[in-house]
Amino acid sequence: MDELKLAINAAVSAGKLVRELRETKYSKSFKESHRDVVTEVDLISEKIIIDTLSSLEPFSYLSEETNELVGNSDDFWAIDPIDGTANFVNGSENYCVSIGKVSKMVMELGVIYAPEKQDLYYSHKDFGAFKNQEKLQISGKNLCDALVAVSLPGAQDKIKAANVFEILNKVNYLSSGVLRLGSAALHLAQHAEGIFGACIGFDAKIWDIAAGIAICRNAGSIVKLTPTTCPYTFDYICGDEASVSALENIVGFKV
């Protein structure tokens, strides 16, 4: 459990500094689209996390800002120093620090820290999932009674976007509604605590979802992941058995 404690320390330390720096003047730039933002605060947060975790031996990682695997592809940390940077920049509280452990492409350990509410989600395959020391357990909801969180890709693809929005229209009609917070990690964390009855995502990077997938899976959610054509990128569905089955039929991808 030492690595989980270290990941918690890294996430909380980085998150607290991110919140402190929010009101300062910082530079920002764009990556794949105008919604895909990176700031110098992201880079500061990334350095804190990597420096903290580097005491582990061996230590390998894939971080959003580095965007390159450093070390062993069989056993690495997937790091998003600020998931929801566009929210961070625009004054929304829906952003977080996300750190997940990936072993042979199984997401088994996760830490998510939301600085504005000081909410800490953490999980390990050996003992389950928690929010602020309270154990999390997925409770089943019929799709018609569920809010469904959706994560959209940062890159612009008009053809795929049209298909995705057609899918979301169907899901919105069959559920209690489709919501997008702008942070895949928070979608998954809030699914684990029962706010969202299900989550779906398209072209999600592993650093966005590794921690959240581990938390959901260890809280009892059924997780369906399918790789896309891009490395370390996935479509996914999370929910109880009935919701996942219904969403698979609508979304059109299965594992």
Protein backbone atom coordinates (compact mmCIF):
# COMPACT_ATOMS: atom_id res chain seq x y z
CA MET A 1 0.00 0.00 0.00
CA ASP A 2 3.01 2.31 0.13
CA GLU A 3 2.56 3.26 -3.51
CA LEU A 4 -1.08 4.23 -2.90
CA LYS A 5 -0.07 6.45 0.03
CA LEU A 6 2.60 8.05 -2.15
CA ALA A 7 0.10 8.63 -4.96
CA ILE A 8 -2.33 10.24 -2.50
CA ASN A 9 0.42 12.53 -1.23
CA ALA A 10 1.35 13.45 -4.81
CA ALA A 11 -2.23 14.19 -5.84
CA VAL A 12 -3.10 16.25 -2.76
CA SER A 13 0.17 18.23 -2.83
CA ALA A 14 -0.20 19.00 -6.52
CA GLY A 15 -3.91 19.80 -6.19
CA LYS A 16 -3.45 22.22 -3.30
CA LEU A 17 -0.79 24.14 -5.22
CA VAL A 18 -2.93 24.17 -8.37
CA ARG A 19 -5.74 25.80 -6.38
CA GLU A 20 -3.36 28.37 -4.89
CA LEU A 21 -2.02 29.28 -8.33
CA ARG A 22 -5.44 29.65 -9.89
CA GLU A 23 -5.66 33.38 -9.22
CA THR A 24 -2.15 34.11 -10.44
CA LYS A 25 -1.19 35.12 -13.96
CA TYR A 26 -0.08 32.07 -15.91
CA SER A 27 0.61 31.28 -19.53
CA LYS A 28 -1.61 28.95 -21.56
CA SER A 29 -1.54 27.33 -24.97
CA PHE A 30 -3.65 24.95 -27.04
CA LYS A 31 -3.04 21.42 -28.27
CA GLU A 32 -5.49 19.50 -30.50
CA SER A 33 -8.32 22.06 -30.37
CA HIS A 34 -9.39 25.28 -28.67
CA ARG A 35 -10.90 23.13 -25.89
CA ASP A 36 -7.64 21.26 -25.35
CA VAL A 37 -5.75 23.70 -23.15
CA VAL A 38 -2.45 23.45 -21.30
CA THR A 39 -1.16 25.99 -18.78
CA GLU A 40 2.10 26.40 -16.95
CA VAL A 41 0.18 25.30 -13.83
CA ASP A 42 -0.35 21.91 -15.51
CA LEU A 43 3.42 21.64 -15.90
CA ILE A 44 4.08 22.63 -12.29
CA SER A 45 1.54 20.05 -11.09
CA GLU A 46 3.09 17.40 -13.33
CA LYS A 47 6.56 18.05 -11.88
CA ILE A 48 5.30 17.69 -8.29
CA ILE A 49 3.64 14.37 -9.10
CA ILE A 50 6.60 12.93 -11.00
CA ASP A 51 9.09 14.09 -8.37
CA THR A 52 6.99 12.51 -5.61
CA LEU A 53 6.45 9.19 -7.37
CA SER A 54 10.04 8.94 -8.60
CA SER A 55 11.08 7.62 -5.19
CA LEU A 56 9.45 4.34 -6.26
CA GLU A 57 11.74 1.75 -7.81
CA PRO A 58 11.18 1.05 -10.62
CA PHE A 59 9.21 4.10 -11.77
CA SER A 60 7.65 4.48 -15.23
CA TYR A 61 5.02 6.99 -16.29
CA LEU A 62 2.89 8.38 -19.07
CA SER A 63 1.72 11.93 -18.40
CA GLU A 64 -0.59 14.12 -20.44
CA GLU A 65 1.88 16.96 -20.74
CA THR A 66 4.91 14.77 -21.46
CA ASN A 67 2.74 12.68 -23.83
CA GLU A 68 5.40 10.00 -24.07
CA LEU A 69 5.87 6.81 -22.11
CA VAL A 70 8.96 6.98 -19.92
CA GLY A 71 10.11 3.53 -18.82
CA ASN A 72 8.30 0.19 -18.88
CA SER A 73 5.07 -0.14 -20.87
CA ASP A 74 3.99 -3.17 -18.77
CA ASP A 75 3.86 -1.27 -15.48
CA PHE A 76 3.46 2.51 -15.43
CA TRP A 77 1.66 5.46 -13.85
CA ALA A 78 -0.89 7.37 -15.96
CA ILE A 79 -0.84 11.00 -14.83
CA ASP A 80 -3.14 13.92 -15.62
CA PRO A 81 -1.85 16.90 -13.63
CA ILE A 82 -5.09 18.84 -14.25
CA ASP A 83 -8.00 16.97 -15.78
CA GLY A 84 -10.42 19.68 -16.87
CA THR A 85 -7.91 22.42 -17.65
CA ALA A 86 -10.49 24.38 -19.68
CA ASN A 87 -12.69 24.39 -16.56
CA PHE A 88 -9.73 25.48 -14.43
CA VAL A 89 -9.01 28.38 -16.78
CA ASN A 90 -12.64 29.51 -16.94
CA GLY A 91 -13.49 29.43 -13.25
CA SER A 92 -15.38 26.13 -12.98
CA GLU A 93 -14.70 23.93 -9.96
CA ASN A 94 -14.89 20.79 -12.10
CA TYR A 95 -11.22 19.95 -12.39
CA CYS A 96 -8.98 17.52 -10.57
CA VAL A 97 -5.62 15.79 -10.33
CA SER A 98 -5.72 12.19 -11.57
CA ILE A 99 -3.09 9.49 -10.96
CA GLY A 100 -3.63 5.85 -11.96
CA LYS A 101 -1.44 2.74 -11.89
CA VAL A 102 -1.54 0.53 -15.00
CA SER A 103 -0.16 -3.01 -14.92
CA LYS A 104 -0.28 -4.99 -18.19
CA MET A 105 -3.01 -2.55 -19.29
CA VAL A 106 -5.13 -3.29 -16.21
CA MET A 107 -6.05 -0.14 -14.28
CA GLU A 108 -5.82 -1.34 -10.69
CA LEU A 109 -4.99 1.67 -8.49
CA GLY A 110 -6.38 5.19 -8.70
CA VAL A 111 -6.27 8.54 -6.91
CA ILE A 112 -8.36 11.56 -7.87
CA TYR A 113 -8.21 14.81 -5.91
CA ALA A 114 -10.68 17.65 -6.58
CA PRO A 115 -9.06 20.75 -5.02
CA GLU A 116 -12.07 23.10 -4.92
CA LYS A 117 -14.12 20.75 -2.73
CA GLN A 118 -11.08 18.97 -1.24
CA ASP A 119 -12.61 15.65 -2.22
CA LEU A 120 -10.22 12.72 -2.33
CA TYR A 121 -11.14 9.52 -4.17
CA TYR A 122 -8.78 6.57 -3.97
CA SER A 123 -8.80 2.89 -4.69
CA HIS A 124 -6.75 -0.28 -4.78
CA LYS A 125 -7.82 -3.65 -6.14
CA ASP A 126 -7.07 -5.32 -2.79
CA PHE A 127 -9.48 -3.29 -0.61
CA GLY A 128 -12.01 -1.37 -2.71
CA ALA A 129 -12.73 2.30 -3.38
CA PHE A 130 -13.20 5.27 -1.06
CA LYS A 131 -14.14 8.93 -1.00
CA ASN A 132 -12.74 10.83 1.98
CA GLN A 133 -12.46 7.54 3.95
CA GLU A 134 -16.03 6.49 3.15
CA LYS A 135 -16.25 3.23 1.21
CA LEU A 136 -17.90 3.43 -2.20
CA GLN A 137 -20.19 0.78 -3.65
CA ILE A 138 -22.03 1.05 -6.95
CA SER A 139 -25.81 0.83 -6.59
CA GLY A 140 -27.76 -0.32 -9.62
CA LYS A 141 -30.06 2.11 -11.45
CA ASN A 142 -32.30 1.53 -14.41
CA LEU A 143 -31.05 3.55 -17.36
CA CYS A 144 -34.30 5.52 -17.41
CA ASP A 145 -33.56 6.69 -13.84
CA ALA A 146 -29.86 7.40 -14.38
CA LEU A 147 -27.91 10.52 -15.18
CA VAL A 148 -25.27 9.56 -17.75
CA ALA A 149 -21.93 11.38 -17.85
CA VAL A 150 -20.29 11.66 -21.26
CA SER A 151 -16.69 12.45 -22.17
CA LEU A 152 -15.91 13.78 -25.63
CA PRO A 153 -12.57 13.76 -27.48
CA GLY A 154 -10.33 16.83 -27.46
CA ALA A 155 -9.43 16.49 -31.14
CA GLN A 156 -11.80 17.78 -33.80
CA ASP A 157 -13.33 15.20 -36.15
CA LYS A 158 -16.57 16.43 -37.71
CA ILE A 159 -17.65 13.03 -39.03
CA LYS A 160 -17.09 11.26 -35.72
CA ALA A 161 -18.65 14.18 -33.83
CA ALA A 162 -21.85 13.81 -35.85
CA ASN A 163 -22.02 10.10 -34.98
CA VAL A 164 -21.30 10.79 -31.30
CA PHE A 165 -24.01 13.43 -31.03
CA GLU A 166 -26.52 11.09 -32.66
CA ILE A 167 -25.66 8.51 -29.99
CA LEU A 168 -25.95 11.07 -27.20
CA ASN A 169 -29.36 12.14 -28.42
CA LYS A 170 -30.55 8.52 -28.07
CA VAL A 171 -28.97 8.14 -24.62
CA ASN A 172 -30.47 11.44 -23.48
CA TYR A 173 -33.93 10.28 -24.52
CA LEU A 174 -33.64 6.88 -22.77
CA SER A 175 -32.07 8.14 -19.52
CA SER A 176 -32.66 10.91 -16.99
CA GLY A 177 -30.26 13.04 -19.02
CA VAL A 178 -26.78 13.30 -20.45
CA LEU A 179 -24.29 15.60 -18.71
CA ARG A 180 -20.72 16.64 -19.47
CA LEU A 181 -18.61 18.15 -16.69
CA GLY A 182 -15.49 18.51 -18.84
CA SER A 183 -13.46 16.07 -16.72
CA ALA A 184 -13.56 12.35 -17.47
CA ALA A 185 -11.87 11.62 -14.15
CA LEU A 186 -14.60 13.41 -12.20
CA HIS A 187 -17.30 11.68 -14.24
CA LEU A 188 -15.92 8.33 -13.18
CA ALA A 189 -15.34 9.36 -9.55
CA GLN A 190 -18.90 10.63 -9.27
CA HIS A 191 -20.22 7.46 -10.89
CA ALA A 192 -18.44 5.47 -8.18
CA GLU A 193 -20.21 7.53 -5.50
CA GLY A 194 -23.62 7.19 -7.16
CA ILE A 195 -24.21 10.62 -8.71
CA PHE A 196 -24.01 9.29 -12.25
CA GLY A 197 -25.74 5.99 -12.94
CA ALA A 198 -23.44 5.38 -15.90
CA CYS A 199 -20.55 6.89 -17.85
CA ILE A 200 -19.63 6.72 -21.51
CA GLY A 201 -16.56 8.15 -23.23
CA PHE A 202 -15.09 8.44 -26.69
CA ASP A 203 -11.38 8.59 -27.59
CA ALA A 204 -10.37 9.01 -23.95
CA LYS A 205 -6.65 9.11 -23.20
CA ILE A 206 -5.40 6.68 -20.60
CA TRP A 207 -4.18 9.49 -18.32
CA ASP A 208 -7.77 10.87 -18.24
CA ILE A 209 -9.39 7.60 -17.17
CA ALA A 210 -6.88 5.22 -15.54
CA ALA A 211 -7.54 6.40 -11.98
CA GLY A 212 -11.29 6.72 -12.49
CA ILE A 213 -11.63 3.30 -14.11
CA ALA A 214 -9.77 1.71 -11.18
CA ILE A 215 -12.03 3.49 -8.68
CA CYS A 216 -15.22 2.51 -10.52
CA ARG A 217 -14.17 -1.11 -11.02
CA ASN A 218 -13.13 -1.47 -7.38
CA ALA A 219 -16.46 0.07 -6.30
CA GLY A 220 -18.30 -2.67 -8.19
CA SER A 221 -19.03 -1.01 -11.52
CA ILE A 222 -18.94 -3.03 -14.72
CA VAL A 223 -16.33 -1.45 -16.96
CA LYS A 224 -16.16 -1.98 -20.72
CA LEU A 225 -13.04 -0.64 -22.45
CA THR A 226 -12.23 -0.89 -26.12
CA PRO A 227 -9.00 0.48 -27.64
CA THR A 228 -9.27 2.93 -30.52
CA THR A 229 -6.80 3.34 -33.37
CA CYS A 230 -4.69 5.78 -31.33
CA PRO A 231 -2.22 4.42 -28.76
CA TYR A 232 -3.38 4.51 -25.13
CA THR A 233 -6.81 5.76 -26.18
CA PHE A 234 -10.16 4.11 -25.41
CA ASP A 235 -13.90 4.21 -25.77
CA TYR A 236 -15.59 3.11 -22.55
CA ILE A 237 -18.83 2.39 -20.74
CA CYS A 238 -19.28 2.06 -16.96
CA GLY A 239 -22.42 1.16 -15.06
CA ASP A 240 -24.38 -1.71 -13.60
CA GLU A 241 -25.14 -4.78 -15.71
CA ALA A 242 -28.47 -3.56 -17.07
CA SER A 243 -27.26 -0.06 -17.92
CA VAL A 244 -24.08 -1.30 -19.59
CA SER A 245 -26.05 -3.77 -21.70
CA ALA A 246 -28.47 -1.05 -22.82
CA LEU A 247 -25.68 1.43 -23.55
CA GLU A 248 -23.67 -1.14 -25.52
CA ASN A 249 -26.62 -1.54 -27.88
CA ILE A 250 -26.91 2.22 -28.35
CA VAL A 251 -23.24 3.13 -28.52
CA GLY A 252 -22.30 0.25 -30.80
CA PHE A 253 -18.95 -0.80 -29.36
CA LYS A 254 -18.39 -3.93 -27.29
CA VAL A 255 -15.44 -5.64 -25.62
